[in-house]
Amino acid sequence: MSNSPNPKRKRLNLDLSNNDYEILQKISDESDKNMSEVLRTALAIYNIAQEEKKKGRELAIIENDEIKKIIISP
């Protein structure tokens, strides 16, 4: 097996604050996903939020037909 990097993937070196790292670790532990999987999922959700914002839409948390929280993409 080769040790060469996968040409279909890019490696990223990421600096996080202690608080952000703790949040990432907590999500990782609670979801039983590694940190890379958590970040890929977060990126996918952020991308959806951005695409919907371009269409004049918002993402929201809804419970019993009541908006609990609007997710705003920066």
C-alpha atoms as a PDB file:
ATOM      1  CA  MET A   1       0.000   0.000   0.000  1.00  0.00           C
ATOM      2  CA  SER A   2       1.335   3.431  -0.928  1.00  0.00           C
ATOM      3  CA  ASN A   3       1.854   6.245   1.568  1.00  0.00           C
ATOM      4  CA  SER A   4       1.256   8.896  -1.082  1.00  0.00           C
ATOM      5  CA  PRO A   5      -1.647  11.280  -0.459  1.00  0.00           C
ATOM      6  CA  ASN A   6      -4.979  10.626  -2.112  1.00  0.00           C
ATOM      7  CA  PRO A   7      -5.116  12.945  -5.171  1.00  0.00           C
ATOM      8  CA  LYS A   8      -8.875  13.314  -4.680  1.00  0.00           C
ATOM      9  CA  ARG A   9      -8.391  14.832  -1.211  1.00  0.00           C
ATOM     10  CA  LYS A  10      -6.637  17.902   0.134  1.00  0.00           C
ATOM     11  CA  ARG A  11      -4.990  18.095   3.547  1.00  0.00           C
ATOM     12  CA  LEU A  12      -5.712  21.108   5.730  1.00  0.00           C
ATOM     13  CA  ASN A  13      -3.817  22.338   8.783  1.00  0.00           C
ATOM     14  CA  LEU A  14      -6.317  24.135  11.019  1.00  0.00           C
ATOM     15  CA  ASP A  15      -5.775  26.420  14.032  1.00  0.00           C
ATOM     16  CA  LEU A  16      -8.687  26.567  16.474  1.00  0.00           C
ATOM     17  CA  SER A  17      -9.201  28.421  19.727  1.00  0.00           C
ATOM     18  CA  ASN A  18      -9.359  26.190  22.797  1.00  0.00           C
ATOM     19  CA  ASN A  19     -13.109  26.786  22.975  1.00  0.00           C
ATOM     20  CA  ASP A  20     -13.683  25.862  19.328  1.00  0.00           C
ATOM     21  CA  TYR A  21     -11.541  22.737  19.738  1.00  0.00           C
ATOM     22  CA  GLU A  22     -13.543  21.700  22.811  1.00  0.00           C
ATOM     23  CA  ILE A  23     -16.791  22.177  20.895  1.00  0.00           C
ATOM     24  CA  LEU A  24     -15.464  20.105  17.992  1.00  0.00           C
ATOM     25  CA  GLN A  25     -14.286  17.389  20.393  1.00  0.00           C
ATOM     26  CA  LYS A  26     -17.671  17.347  22.170  1.00  0.00           C
ATOM     27  CA  ILE A  27     -19.602  17.056  18.902  1.00  0.00           C
ATOM     28  CA  SER A  28     -17.210  14.355  17.732  1.00  0.00           C
ATOM     29  CA  ASP A  29     -17.606  12.357  20.942  1.00  0.00           C
ATOM     30  CA  GLU A  30     -21.397  12.714  21.057  1.00  0.00           C
ATOM     31  CA  SER A  31     -21.913  11.867  17.387  1.00  0.00           C
ATOM     32  CA  ASP A  32     -19.394   9.004  17.311  1.00  0.00           C
ATOM     33  CA  LYS A  33     -17.764  10.658  14.287  1.00  0.00           C
ATOM     34  CA  ASN A  34     -14.164  11.735  13.991  1.00  0.00           C
ATOM     35  CA  MET A  35     -13.361  15.432  13.856  1.00  0.00           C
ATOM     36  CA  SER A  36     -12.837  15.373  10.094  1.00  0.00           C
ATOM     37  CA  GLU A  37     -16.317  13.901   9.576  1.00  0.00           C
ATOM     38  CA  VAL A  38     -17.826  16.548  11.859  1.00  0.00           C
ATOM     39  CA  LEU A  39     -16.086  19.332   9.924  1.00  0.00           C
ATOM     40  CA  ARG A  40     -17.177  17.877   6.562  1.00  0.00           C
ATOM     41  CA  THR A  41     -20.784  17.728   7.798  1.00  0.00           C
ATOM     42  CA  ALA A  42     -20.566  21.297   9.101  1.00  0.00           C
ATOM     43  CA  LEU A  43     -19.161  22.447   5.756  1.00  0.00           C
ATOM     44  CA  ALA A  44     -22.029  20.752   3.895  1.00  0.00           C
ATOM     45  CA  ILE A  45     -24.609  22.429   6.150  1.00  0.00           C
ATOM     46  CA  TYR A  46     -22.892  25.805   5.758  1.00  0.00           C
ATOM     47  CA  ASN A  47     -22.931  25.360   1.987  1.00  0.00           C
ATOM     48  CA  ILE A  48     -26.682  24.672   2.058  1.00  0.00           C
ATOM     49  CA  ALA A  49     -27.214  27.796   4.189  1.00  0.00           C
ATOM     50  CA  GLN A  50     -25.211  29.905   1.737  1.00  0.00           C
ATOM     51  CA  GLU A  51     -27.070  28.543  -1.290  1.00  0.00           C
ATOM     52  CA  GLU A  52     -30.451  29.177   0.350  1.00  0.00           C
ATOM     53  CA  LYS A  53     -29.401  32.690   1.394  1.00  0.00           C
ATOM     54  CA  LYS A  54     -28.684  33.470  -2.276  1.00  0.00           C
ATOM     55  CA  LYS A  55     -32.302  32.491  -3.018  1.00  0.00           C
ATOM     56  CA  GLY A  56     -33.614  34.754  -0.259  1.00  0.00           C
ATOM     57  CA  ARG A  57     -34.385  31.820   2.025  1.00  0.00           C
ATOM     58  CA  GLU A  58     -33.318  30.947   5.563  1.00  0.00           C
ATOM     59  CA  LEU A  59     -32.638  27.728   7.395  1.00  0.00           C
ATOM     60  CA  ALA A  60     -34.441  27.331  10.704  1.00  0.00           C
ATOM     61  CA  ILE A  61     -35.017  24.961  13.585  1.00  0.00           C
ATOM     62  CA  ILE A  62     -38.757  24.280  13.729  1.00  0.00           C
ATOM     63  CA  GLU A  63     -40.664  22.479  16.455  1.00  0.00           C
ATOM     64  CA  ASN A  64     -44.427  21.944  16.291  1.00  0.00           C
ATOM     65  CA  ASP A  65     -44.725  24.444  13.425  1.00  0.00           C
ATOM     66  CA  GLU A  66     -42.977  27.098  15.530  1.00  0.00           C
ATOM     67  CA  ILE A  67     -39.628  28.578  14.512  1.00  0.00           C
ATOM     68  CA  LYS A  68     -37.263  28.027  17.418  1.00  0.00           C
ATOM     69  CA  LYS A  69     -34.106  29.387  15.842  1.00  0.00           C
ATOM     70  CA  ILE A  70     -33.170  30.885  12.495  1.00  0.00           C
ATOM     71  CA  ILE A  71     -29.787  29.767  11.249  1.00  0.00           C
ATOM     72  CA  ILE A  72     -28.091  32.750   9.681  1.00  0.00           C
ATOM     73  CA  SER A  73     -25.037  32.259   7.518  1.00  0.00           C
ATOM     74  CA  PRO A  74     -22.440  34.962   8.081  1.00  0.00           C
END
